Amino acid sequence: MANGVLIIDKPQGWTSMDVCAKIRGILHEKRVGHGGTLDPMATGVLPVFVGRATRAVEYAVEGKKEYLAALKLGVITNTQDTTGEVTETRPVQVDRAALKKALAAFQGEISQIPPMYSAIKIRGKKLYQLARAGQEVERTARTVTIYSLELLETAPKGFPEEEDTWYLRVVCSKGTYVRTLCHDIGQALGCGGCMSALRRTQVGDYGLEGAVTLEKLQATADPAELLVPVDSCFAARPMLVLKSHQAERKVRNGAVLTLPVPPGDGEYRLYGVDGNFLALSQVKGNKLTTIKSFFEV
């Protein structure tokens, strides 16, 4: 039975759900979910959780994300990227200094209005469904955090080099739309803009250096060998190992555990006597409770 995380380098043209469907077939496992949607035009890091590990999806989504993006100035589209219909073109008179100055206003906590072409639901309907039906509805602005916004010197590998196109490295919080960021930067510059390429290089602790392509996954004799243990999702949390099988049995039965030597309040990766990962747990005082278990029931 397959359990763990596959760090996929998502190809262009695939939806995140397409990737999950493919992995279900390869691993013969129904329980498959992804940590953080990537648009079809985007490539890069897509953590895919398999088996019991699907219980960790929500924690992967919470982590910081890093992207490489191409900002095409002078073009405005209905999707805020180059896959959409061009609604307006404007002349561009922007140099590197002007762009760097504009980027300064988009760092830290910023407000974003989600694009119409997104999977956010309003009154039970996804926004992109309304947009395809020719409807535009009012959206509530959301606060997101841009931890870093860097103007690159050259186009990243694999990115098209085009006129009036600049290249960015973005480190941001969950819920950030990089194409909306590109659109808003274009508006601030007065010439408009959209996103023409996107590659995600990091999701939480998962980076491109550990990612595999779908081709490699299919070509591997035992694809389950490429699974990363689910506790990797909680690498930033300290480890706590139980000292007895009796304590482990209590945890497996959902009981609150009294710790003889409390390690300090906080969240811990909890392991059994034999080193097997059991749960994400919470310690308060001398009491240990399970937040989410990851052992097979």
C-alpha atoms as a PDB file:
ATOM      1  CA  MET A   1       0.000   0.000   0.000  1.00  0.00           C
ATOM      2  CA  ALA A   2       1.531   3.317  -1.125  1.00  0.00           C
ATOM      3  CA  ASN A   3       1.833   6.083   1.469  1.00  0.00           C
ATOM      4  CA  GLY A   4       3.874   9.255   1.161  1.00  0.00           C
ATOM      5  CA  VAL A   5       4.494  12.353  -0.918  1.00  0.00           C
ATOM      6  CA  LEU A   6       5.524  12.603  -4.560  1.00  0.00           C
ATOM      7  CA  ILE A   7       7.163  15.896  -5.491  1.00  0.00           C
ATOM      8  CA  ILE A   8       6.130  16.263  -9.130  1.00  0.00           C
ATOM      9  CA  ASP A   9       7.596  18.733 -11.612  1.00  0.00           C
ATOM     10  CA  LYS A  10       4.260  19.492 -13.268  1.00  0.00           C
ATOM     11  CA  PRO A  11       4.393  19.814 -17.045  1.00  0.00           C
ATOM     12  CA  GLN A  12       2.771  22.682 -18.922  1.00  0.00           C
ATOM     13  CA  GLY A  13      -0.750  22.019 -20.185  1.00  0.00           C
ATOM     14  CA  TRP A  14      -1.737  19.697 -17.340  1.00  0.00           C
ATOM     15  CA  THR A  15      -4.120  20.649 -14.539  1.00  0.00           C
ATOM     16  CA  SER A  16      -3.159  19.681 -11.002  1.00  0.00           C
ATOM     17  CA  MET A  17      -6.086  17.244 -10.999  1.00  0.00           C
ATOM     18  CA  ASP A  18      -4.830  15.682 -14.268  1.00  0.00           C
ATOM     19  CA  VAL A  19      -1.567  14.900 -12.455  1.00  0.00           C
ATOM     20  CA  CYS A  20      -3.446  13.345  -9.514  1.00  0.00           C
ATOM     21  CA  ALA A  21      -5.521  11.190 -11.890  1.00  0.00           C
ATOM     22  CA  LYS A  22      -2.369   9.965 -13.630  1.00  0.00           C
ATOM     23  CA  ILE A  23      -0.736   9.056 -10.310  1.00  0.00           C
ATOM     24  CA  ARG A  24      -3.854   7.175  -9.172  1.00  0.00           C
ATOM     25  CA  GLY A  25      -3.422   4.963 -12.227  1.00  0.00           C
ATOM     26  CA  ILE A  26       0.331   4.504 -11.835  1.00  0.00           C
ATOM     27  CA  LEU A  27       0.239   3.653  -8.118  1.00  0.00           C
ATOM     28  CA  HIS A  28      -3.186   1.944  -8.105  1.00  0.00           C
ATOM     29  CA  GLU A  29      -4.196   4.061  -5.114  1.00  0.00           C
ATOM     30  CA  LYS A  30      -7.477   5.989  -4.910  1.00  0.00           C
ATOM     31  CA  ARG A  31      -6.342   8.282  -2.105  1.00  0.00           C
ATOM     32  CA  VAL A  32      -4.383  10.964  -3.981  1.00  0.00           C
ATOM     33  CA  GLY A  33      -4.485  14.738  -3.458  1.00  0.00           C
ATOM     34  CA  HIS A  34      -2.260  17.712  -4.275  1.00  0.00           C
ATOM     35  CA  GLY A  35      -0.905  20.517  -2.116  1.00  0.00           C
ATOM     36  CA  GLY A  36      -1.555  23.794  -3.921  1.00  0.00           C
ATOM     37  CA  THR A  37      -3.139  24.167  -7.364  1.00  0.00           C
ATOM     38  CA  LEU A  38      -1.021  25.156 -10.350  1.00  0.00           C
ATOM     39  CA  ASP A  39      -2.725  26.581 -13.442  1.00  0.00           C
ATOM     40  CA  PRO A  40      -2.319  24.513 -16.637  1.00  0.00           C
ATOM     41  CA  MET A  41       0.125  27.056 -18.134  1.00  0.00           C
ATOM     42  CA  ALA A  42       2.391  26.821 -15.055  1.00  0.00           C
ATOM     43  CA  THR A  43       5.126  24.255 -14.422  1.00  0.00           C
ATOM     44  CA  GLY A  44       7.075  23.217 -11.367  1.00  0.00           C
ATOM     45  CA  VAL A  45       6.676  21.887  -7.855  1.00  0.00           C
ATOM     46  CA  LEU A  46       3.399  20.096  -7.167  1.00  0.00           C
ATOM     47  CA  PRO A  47       3.450  17.995  -3.964  1.00  0.00           C
ATOM     48  CA  VAL A  48       1.106  15.031  -4.448  1.00  0.00           C
ATOM     49  CA  PHE A  49      -0.002  13.176  -1.322  1.00  0.00           C
ATOM     50  CA  VAL A  50      -0.719   9.476  -1.587  1.00  0.00           C
ATOM     51  CA  GLY A  51      -2.589   7.073   0.704  1.00  0.00           C
ATOM     52  CA  ARG A  52      -2.767   7.983   4.374  1.00  0.00           C
ATOM     53  CA  ALA A  53      -0.496  10.960   3.591  1.00  0.00           C
ATOM     54  CA  THR A  54      -3.460  12.800   2.020  1.00  0.00           C
ATOM     55  CA  ARG A  55      -4.289  13.860   5.590  1.00  0.00           C
ATOM     56  CA  ALA A  56      -1.298  16.251   5.399  1.00  0.00           C
ATOM     57  CA  VAL A  57      -2.459  18.192   2.316  1.00  0.00           C
ATOM     58  CA  GLU A  58      -3.781  21.128   4.346  1.00  0.00           C
ATOM     59  CA  TYR A  59      -0.376  21.612   5.989  1.00  0.00           C
ATOM     60  CA  ALA A  60       1.500  21.717   2.672  1.00  0.00           C
ATOM     61  CA  VAL A  61      -0.883  24.391   1.392  1.00  0.00           C
ATOM     62  CA  GLU A  62      -0.072  26.570   4.436  1.00  0.00           C
ATOM     63  CA  GLY A  63       3.643  26.877   3.599  1.00  0.00           C
ATOM     64  CA  LYS A  64       5.453  29.664   1.745  1.00  0.00           C
ATOM     65  CA  LYS A  65       5.669  29.321  -2.027  1.00  0.00           C
ATOM     66  CA  GLU A  66       8.348  30.516  -4.431  1.00  0.00           C
ATOM     67  CA  TYR A  67       7.777  31.256  -8.121  1.00  0.00           C
ATOM     68  CA  LEU A  68       9.626  32.458 -11.182  1.00  0.00           C
ATOM     69  CA  ALA A  69       7.331  34.576 -13.331  1.00  0.00           C
ATOM     70  CA  ALA A  70       7.441  36.471 -16.602  1.00  0.00           C
ATOM     71  CA  LEU A  71       5.725  39.873 -16.524  1.00  0.00           C
ATOM     72  CA  LYS A  72       4.678  41.051 -19.982  1.00  0.00           C
ATOM     73  CA  LEU A  73       3.977  44.772 -20.004  1.00  0.00           C
ATOM     74  CA  GLY A  74       1.622  46.603 -22.348  1.00  0.00           C
ATOM     75  CA  VAL A  75      -0.874  43.743 -22.643  1.00  0.00           C
ATOM     76  CA  ILE A  76      -4.041  43.279 -20.571  1.00  0.00           C
ATOM     77  CA  THR A  77      -6.064  40.060 -20.817  1.00  0.00           C
ATOM     78  CA  ASN A  78      -9.296  38.758 -19.292  1.00  0.00           C
ATOM     79  CA  THR A  79      -7.426  35.980 -17.443  1.00  0.00           C
ATOM     80  CA  GLN A  80      -4.467  38.163 -16.365  1.00  0.00           C
ATOM     81  CA  ASP A  81      -2.147  35.831 -18.285  1.00  0.00           C
ATOM     82  CA  THR A  82      -1.357  35.165 -21.939  1.00  0.00           C
ATOM     83  CA  THR A  83      -3.765  32.230 -22.193  1.00  0.00           C
ATOM     84  CA  GLY A  84      -6.694  34.661 -22.188  1.00  0.00           C
ATOM     85  CA  GLU A  85      -8.206  37.128 -24.623  1.00  0.00           C
ATOM     86  CA  VAL A  86      -6.352  40.408 -25.064  1.00  0.00           C
ATOM     87  CA  THR A  87      -8.689  43.187 -23.929  1.00  0.00           C
ATOM     88  CA  GLU A  88      -6.283  46.098 -24.336  1.00  0.00           C
ATOM     89  CA  THR A  89      -2.772  46.949 -25.465  1.00  0.00           C
ATOM     90  CA  ARG A  90      -0.868  50.047 -24.414  1.00  0.00           C
ATOM     91  CA  PRO A  91       2.512  51.556 -25.273  1.00  0.00           C
ATOM     92  CA  VAL A  92       5.317  50.743 -22.835  1.00  0.00           C
ATOM     93  CA  GLN A  93       7.873  53.250 -21.640  1.00  0.00           C
ATOM     94  CA  VAL A  94       9.253  51.462 -18.588  1.00  0.00           C
ATOM     95  CA  ASP A  95      12.913  50.957 -17.744  1.00  0.00           C
ATOM     96  CA  ARG A  96      14.492  48.775 -15.069  1.00  0.00           C
ATOM     97  CA  ALA A  97      14.664  51.598 -12.514  1.00  0.00           C
ATOM     98  CA  ALA A  98      10.956  52.449 -12.902  1.00  0.00           C
ATOM     99  CA  LEU A  99       9.967  48.809 -12.543  1.00  0.00           C
ATOM    100  CA  LYS A 100      12.104  48.299  -9.428  1.00  0.00           C
ATOM    101  CA  LYS A 101      10.524  51.373  -7.882  1.00  0.00           C
ATOM    102  CA  ALA A 102       7.030  50.038  -8.638  1.00  0.00           C
ATOM    103  CA  LEU A 103       7.838  46.611  -7.152  1.00  0.00           C
ATOM    104  CA  ALA A 104       8.592  48.159  -3.763  1.00  0.00           C
ATOM    105  CA  ALA A 105       4.868  48.837  -3.224  1.00  0.00           C
ATOM    106  CA  PHE A 106       4.053  45.136  -3.707  1.00  0.00           C
ATOM    107  CA  GLN A 107       6.144  43.734  -0.853  1.00  0.00           C
ATOM    108  CA  GLY A 108       4.877  42.775   2.585  1.00  0.00           C
ATOM    109  CA  GLU A 109       1.141  42.503   3.222  1.00  0.00           C
ATOM    110  CA  ILE A 110      -0.824  43.537   0.145  1.00  0.00           C
ATOM    111  CA  SER A 111      -4.451  43.400  -0.933  1.00  0.00           C
ATOM    112  CA  GLN A 112      -5.474  41.325  -3.970  1.00  0.00           C
ATOM    113  CA  ILE A 113      -8.826  40.983  -5.692  1.00  0.00           C
ATOM    114  CA  PRO A 114      -9.010  37.343  -6.885  1.00  0.00           C
ATOM    115  CA  PRO A 115      -9.284  37.035 -10.682  1.00  0.00           C
ATOM    116  CA  MET A 116     -12.562  36.016 -12.301  1.00  0.00           C
ATOM    117  CA  TYR A 117     -10.735  33.088 -13.881  1.00  0.00           C
ATOM    118  CA  SER A 118     -10.103  31.228 -10.609  1.00  0.00           C
ATOM    119  CA  ALA A 119     -11.594  28.276  -8.727  1.00  0.00           C
ATOM    120  CA  ILE A 120     -12.888  30.381  -5.834  1.00  0.00           C
ATOM    121  CA  LYS A 121     -16.581  29.742  -5.213  1.00  0.00           C
ATOM    122  CA  ILE A 122     -19.201  32.472  -4.872  1.00  0.00           C
ATOM    123  CA  ARG A 123     -22.748  31.358  -4.109  1.00  0.00           C
ATOM    124  CA  GLY A 124     -21.815  27.773  -4.959  1.00  0.00           C
ATOM    125  CA  LYS A 125     -20.355  28.549  -8.394  1.00  0.00           C
ATOM    126  CA  LYS A 126     -16.673  28.680  -9.304  1.00  0.00           C
ATOM    127  CA  LEU A 127     -15.621  32.084 -10.589  1.00  0.00           C
ATOM    128  CA  TYR A 128     -14.200  30.710 -13.823  1.00  0.00           C
ATOM    129  CA  GLN A 129     -17.569  29.104 -14.590  1.00  0.00           C
ATOM    130  CA  LEU A 130     -19.256  32.495 -14.236  1.00  0.00           C
ATOM    131  CA  ALA A 131     -16.502  34.141 -16.297  1.00  0.00           C
ATOM    132  CA  ARG A 132     -16.941  31.627 -19.130  1.00  0.00           C
ATOM    133  CA  ALA A 133     -20.671  32.419 -19.085  1.00  0.00           C
ATOM    134  CA  GLY A 134     -19.806  36.082 -19.617  1.00  0.00           C
ATOM    135  CA  GLN A 135     -20.570  37.147 -16.043  1.00  0.00           C
ATOM    136  CA  GLU A 136     -18.410  39.276 -13.782  1.00  0.00           C
ATOM    137  CA  VAL A 137     -19.224  39.447 -10.086  1.00  0.00           C
ATOM    138  CA  GLU A 138     -17.868  41.538  -7.257  1.00  0.00           C
ATOM    139  CA  ARG A 139     -15.047  39.824  -5.378  1.00  0.00           C
ATOM    140  CA  THR A 140     -13.824  40.620  -1.893  1.00  0.00           C
ATOM    141  CA  ALA A 141     -10.201  41.708  -1.682  1.00  0.00           C
ATOM    142  CA  ARG A 142      -7.889  39.358   0.219  1.00  0.00           C
ATOM    143  CA  THR A 143      -4.762  40.126   2.203  1.00  0.00           C
ATOM    144  CA  VAL A 144      -1.728  38.095   1.135  1.00  0.00           C
ATOM    145  CA  THR A 145       1.955  38.420   1.976  1.00  0.00           C
ATOM    146  CA  ILE A 146       4.777  38.938  -0.510  1.00  0.00           C
ATOM    147  CA  TYR A 147       7.891  38.009   1.461  1.00  0.00           C
ATOM    148  CA  SER A 148      10.273  38.735  -1.408  1.00  0.00           C
ATOM    149  CA  LEU A 149       9.887  40.246  -4.886  1.00  0.00           C
ATOM    150  CA  GLU A 150      13.092  40.257  -6.908  1.00  0.00           C
ATOM    151  CA  LEU A 151      13.664  41.587 -10.418  1.00  0.00           C
ATOM    152  CA  LEU A 152      15.926  39.091 -12.209  1.00  0.00           C
ATOM    153  CA  GLU A 153      18.738  40.068 -14.556  1.00  0.00           C
ATOM    154  CA  THR A 154      17.917  37.475 -17.222  1.00  0.00           C
ATOM    155  CA  ALA A 155      15.130  35.121 -18.242  1.00  0.00           C
ATOM    156  CA  PRO A 156      15.048  31.877 -16.212  1.00  0.00           C
ATOM    157  CA  LYS A 157      15.889  28.685 -18.077  1.00  0.00           C
ATOM    158  CA  GLY A 158      13.030  27.652 -20.363  1.00  0.00           C
ATOM    159  CA  PHE A 159      11.306  31.046 -20.280  1.00  0.00           C
ATOM    160  CA  PRO A 160      10.691  32.851 -23.594  1.00  0.00           C
ATOM    161  CA  GLU A 161      12.653  36.071 -24.077  1.00  0.00           C
ATOM    162  CA  GLU A 162      10.187  38.625 -25.390  1.00  0.00           C
ATOM    163  CA  GLU A 163       9.976  42.360 -25.879  1.00  0.00           C
ATOM    164  CA  ASP A 164       8.686  44.375 -22.883  1.00  0.00           C
ATOM    165  CA  THR A 165       8.946  41.281 -20.677  1.00  0.00           C
ATOM    166  CA  TRP A 166      10.620  41.237 -17.274  1.00  0.00           C
ATOM    167  CA  TYR A 167      11.360  38.303 -14.987  1.00  0.00           C
ATOM    168  CA  LEU A 168      10.547  38.062 -11.300  1.00  0.00           C
ATOM    169  CA  ARG A 169      11.258  35.784  -8.353  1.00  0.00           C
ATOM    170  CA  VAL A 170       8.323  35.842  -5.933  1.00  0.00           C
ATOM    171  CA  VAL A 171       8.171  34.333  -2.434  1.00  0.00           C
ATOM    172  CA  CYS A 172       4.629  34.578  -1.114  1.00  0.00           C
ATOM    173  CA  SER A 173       1.970  33.237   1.225  1.00  0.00           C
ATOM    174  CA  LYS A 174      -0.815  30.844   0.351  1.00  0.00           C
ATOM    175  CA  GLY A 175      -3.680  32.386  -1.593  1.00  0.00           C
ATOM    176  CA  THR A 176      -1.441  34.663  -3.670  1.00  0.00           C
ATOM    177  CA  TYR A 177      -2.252  34.895  -7.375  1.00  0.00           C
ATOM    178  CA  VAL A 178       0.989  35.658  -9.221  1.00  0.00           C
ATOM    179  CA  ARG A 179      -0.924  36.562 -12.392  1.00  0.00           C
ATOM    180  CA  THR A 180      -2.944  39.082 -10.379  1.00  0.00           C
ATOM    181  CA  LEU A 181       0.342  40.428  -9.018  1.00  0.00           C
ATOM    182  CA  CYS A 182       1.589  40.863 -12.603  1.00  0.00           C
ATOM    183  CA  HIS A 183      -1.684  42.535 -13.619  1.00  0.00           C
ATOM    184  CA  ASP A 184      -1.570  44.916 -10.636  1.00  0.00           C
ATOM    185  CA  ILE A 185       2.081  45.845 -11.256  1.00  0.00           C
ATOM    186  CA  GLY A 186       1.152  46.674 -14.861  1.00  0.00           C
ATOM    187  CA  GLN A 187      -1.712  48.857 -13.635  1.00  0.00           C
ATOM    188  CA  ALA A 188       0.611  50.668 -11.210  1.00  0.00           C
ATOM    189  CA  LEU A 189       3.007  51.389 -14.086  1.00  0.00           C
ATOM    190  CA  GLY A 190       0.162  52.743 -16.232  1.00  0.00           C
ATOM    191  CA  CYS A 191       0.877  50.488 -19.196  1.00  0.00           C
ATOM    192  CA  GLY A 192      -0.918  47.357 -18.025  1.00  0.00           C
ATOM    193  CA  GLY A 193       0.565  43.907 -17.847  1.00  0.00           C
ATOM    194  CA  CYS A 194      -0.065  40.194 -17.585  1.00  0.00           C
ATOM    195  CA  MET A 195       1.811  36.993 -16.784  1.00  0.00           C
ATOM    196  CA  SER A 196       3.350  35.142 -19.723  1.00  0.00           C
ATOM    197  CA  ALA A 197       5.107  32.265 -17.900  1.00  0.00           C
ATOM    198  CA  LEU A 198       5.164  30.766 -14.405  1.00  0.00           C
ATOM    199  CA  ARG A 199       7.300  28.125 -12.712  1.00  0.00           C
ATOM    200  CA  ARG A 200       6.902  27.174  -9.064  1.00  0.00           C
ATOM    201  CA  THR A 201      10.226  26.337  -7.470  1.00  0.00           C
ATOM    202  CA  GLN A 202       9.219  25.749  -3.831  1.00  0.00           C
ATOM    203  CA  VAL A 203       6.197  24.735  -1.726  1.00  0.00           C
ATOM    204  CA  GLY A 204       6.994  24.757   1.990  1.00  0.00           C
ATOM    205  CA  ASP A 205       9.962  22.403   2.433  1.00  0.00           C
ATOM    206  CA  TYR A 206       9.566  20.854  -1.033  1.00  0.00           C
ATOM    207  CA  GLY A 207      11.734  22.218  -3.862  1.00  0.00           C
ATOM    208  CA  LEU A 208      12.585  21.495  -7.473  1.00  0.00           C
ATOM    209  CA  GLU A 209      15.775  19.681  -6.412  1.00  0.00           C
ATOM    210  CA  GLY A 210      13.606  16.828  -5.100  1.00  0.00           C
ATOM    211  CA  ALA A 211      11.007  16.874  -7.878  1.00  0.00           C
ATOM    212  CA  VAL A 212      10.498  14.175 -10.509  1.00  0.00           C
ATOM    213  CA  THR A 213       8.777  14.355 -13.872  1.00  0.00           C
ATOM    214  CA  LEU A 214       5.793  12.210 -14.769  1.00  0.00           C
ATOM    215  CA  GLU A 215       7.997  10.551 -17.392  1.00  0.00           C
ATOM    216  CA  LYS A 216      10.494   9.482 -14.721  1.00  0.00           C
ATOM    217  CA  LEU A 217       7.662   8.268 -12.504  1.00  0.00           C
ATOM    218  CA  GLN A 218       6.278   6.098 -15.297  1.00  0.00           C
ATOM    219  CA  ALA A 219       9.710   4.772 -16.249  1.00  0.00           C
ATOM    220  CA  THR A 220      10.598   3.697 -12.699  1.00  0.00           C
ATOM    221  CA  ALA A 221      10.193  -0.035 -12.068  1.00  0.00           C
ATOM    222  CA  ASP A 222       8.680   0.587  -8.628  1.00  0.00           C
ATOM    223  CA  PRO A 223       7.232   4.140  -8.628  1.00  0.00           C
ATOM    224  CA  ALA A 224       6.486   3.857  -4.886  1.00  0.00           C
ATOM    225  CA  GLU A 225      10.274   4.090  -4.347  1.00  0.00           C
ATOM    226  CA  LEU A 226      10.025   7.782  -5.261  1.00  0.00           C
ATOM    227  CA  LEU A 227       7.618   8.540  -2.411  1.00  0.00           C
ATOM    228  CA  VAL A 228       8.980  10.845   0.289  1.00  0.00           C
ATOM    229  CA  PRO A 229       7.842   9.979   3.855  1.00  0.00           C
ATOM    230  CA  VAL A 230       4.888  12.091   4.991  1.00  0.00           C
ATOM    231  CA  ASP A 231       6.725  13.357   8.084  1.00  0.00           C
ATOM    232  CA  SER A 232       8.836  15.440   5.664  1.00  0.00           C
ATOM    233  CA  CYS A 233       5.831  17.780   5.561  1.00  0.00           C
ATOM    234  CA  PHE A 234       6.459  18.609   9.220  1.00  0.00           C
ATOM    235  CA  ALA A 235      10.250  18.868   9.088  1.00  0.00           C
ATOM    236  CA  ALA A 236      10.204  22.281  10.790  1.00  0.00           C
ATOM    237  CA  ARG A 237       8.550  20.843  13.900  1.00  0.00           C
ATOM    238  CA  PRO A 238      10.651  19.101  16.591  1.00  0.00           C
ATOM    239  CA  MET A 239      10.630  15.325  16.974  1.00  0.00           C
ATOM    240  CA  LEU A 240       9.201  13.505  19.978  1.00  0.00           C
ATOM    241  CA  VAL A 241       9.752   9.753  20.417  1.00  0.00           C
ATOM    242  CA  LEU A 242       7.580   7.647  22.740  1.00  0.00           C
ATOM    243  CA  LYS A 243       9.437   5.536  25.296  1.00  0.00           C
ATOM    244  CA  SER A 244       7.064   2.575  25.607  1.00  0.00           C
ATOM    245  CA  HIS A 245       4.742   0.409  23.535  1.00  0.00           C
ATOM    246  CA  GLN A 246       2.022   1.108  26.099  1.00  0.00           C
ATOM    247  CA  ALA A 247       2.229   4.838  25.366  1.00  0.00           C
ATOM    248  CA  GLU A 248       2.116   4.094  21.651  1.00  0.00           C
ATOM    249  CA  ARG A 249      -1.016   1.967  22.099  1.00  0.00           C
ATOM    250  CA  LYS A 250      -2.695   4.847  23.930  1.00  0.00           C
ATOM    251  CA  VAL A 251      -1.868   7.233  21.079  1.00  0.00           C
ATOM    252  CA  ARG A 252      -3.155   4.733  18.515  1.00  0.00           C
ATOM    253  CA  ASN A 253      -6.402   4.500  20.492  1.00  0.00           C
ATOM    254  CA  GLY A 254      -6.812   8.279  20.509  1.00  0.00           C
ATOM    255  CA  ALA A 255      -6.168   8.745  24.211  1.00  0.00           C
ATOM    256  CA  VAL A 256      -4.588  11.807  25.815  1.00  0.00           C
ATOM    257  CA  LEU A 257      -1.107  10.892  27.040  1.00  0.00           C
ATOM    258  CA  THR A 258       0.400  12.153  30.302  1.00  0.00           C
ATOM    259  CA  LEU A 259       4.111  12.793  29.808  1.00  0.00           C
ATOM    260  CA  PRO A 260       6.436  12.149  32.785  1.00  0.00           C
ATOM    261  CA  VAL A 261       9.003  14.640  31.383  1.00  0.00           C
ATOM    262  CA  PRO A 262       7.199  17.279  29.279  1.00  0.00           C
ATOM    263  CA  PRO A 263       9.371  18.653  26.418  1.00  0.00           C
ATOM    264  CA  GLY A 264       7.677  22.077  26.383  1.00  0.00           C
ATOM    265  CA  ASP A 265       4.452  23.329  24.832  1.00  0.00           C
ATOM    266  CA  GLY A 266       4.076  23.201  21.056  1.00  0.00           C
ATOM    267  CA  GLU A 267       3.513  20.961  18.066  1.00  0.00           C
ATOM    268  CA  TYR A 268       5.663  17.840  17.571  1.00  0.00           C
ATOM    269  CA  ARG A 269       6.289  15.084  15.060  1.00  0.00           C
ATOM    270  CA  LEU A 270       5.431  12.017  17.139  1.00  0.00           C
ATOM    271  CA  TYR A 271       7.194   8.682  16.616  1.00  0.00           C
ATOM    272  CA  GLY A 272       6.691   5.240  18.112  1.00  0.00           C
ATOM    273  CA  VAL A 273       9.266   3.148  19.944  1.00  0.00           C
ATOM    274  CA  ASP A 274      10.388   1.574  16.658  1.00  0.00           C
ATOM    275  CA  GLY A 275      10.817   4.955  14.943  1.00  0.00           C
ATOM    276  CA  ASN A 276       7.596   4.816  12.903  1.00  0.00           C
ATOM    277  CA  PHE A 277       5.865   8.165  12.377  1.00  0.00           C
ATOM    278  CA  LEU A 278       2.564   8.221  14.231  1.00  0.00           C
ATOM    279  CA  ALA A 279       1.076  11.691  14.272  1.00  0.00           C
ATOM    280  CA  LEU A 280       1.321  15.428  14.407  1.00  0.00           C
ATOM    281  CA  SER A 281       0.760  16.099  18.092  1.00  0.00           C
ATOM    282  CA  GLN A 282       0.260  18.958  20.520  1.00  0.00           C
ATOM    283  CA  VAL A 283       1.883  19.236  23.948  1.00  0.00           C
ATOM    284  CA  LYS A 284       0.367  21.507  26.607  1.00  0.00           C
ATOM    285  CA  GLY A 285       1.871  21.192  30.060  1.00  0.00           C
ATOM    286  CA  ASN A 286       2.343  17.456  30.574  1.00  0.00           C
ATOM    287  CA  LYS A 287      -0.525  16.424  28.244  1.00  0.00           C
ATOM    288  CA  LEU A 288      -0.001  15.152  24.702  1.00  0.00           C
ATOM    289  CA  THR A 289      -2.923  15.082  22.268  1.00  0.00           C
ATOM    290  CA  THR A 290      -3.091  14.052  18.633  1.00  0.00           C
ATOM    291  CA  ILE A 291      -3.794  16.767  16.063  1.00  0.00           C
ATOM    292  CA  LYS A 292      -3.765  14.366  13.127  1.00  0.00           C
ATOM    293  CA  SER A 293      -2.703  10.713  12.943  1.00  0.00           C
ATOM    294  CA  PHE A 294      -0.795   9.171  10.035  1.00  0.00           C
ATOM    295  CA  PHE A 295      -0.535   5.492  10.991  1.00  0.00           C
ATOM    296  CA  GLU A 296      -2.709   3.037   9.070  1.00  0.00           C
ATOM    297  CA  VAL A 297      -5.858   2.204  11.010  1.00  0.00           C
END
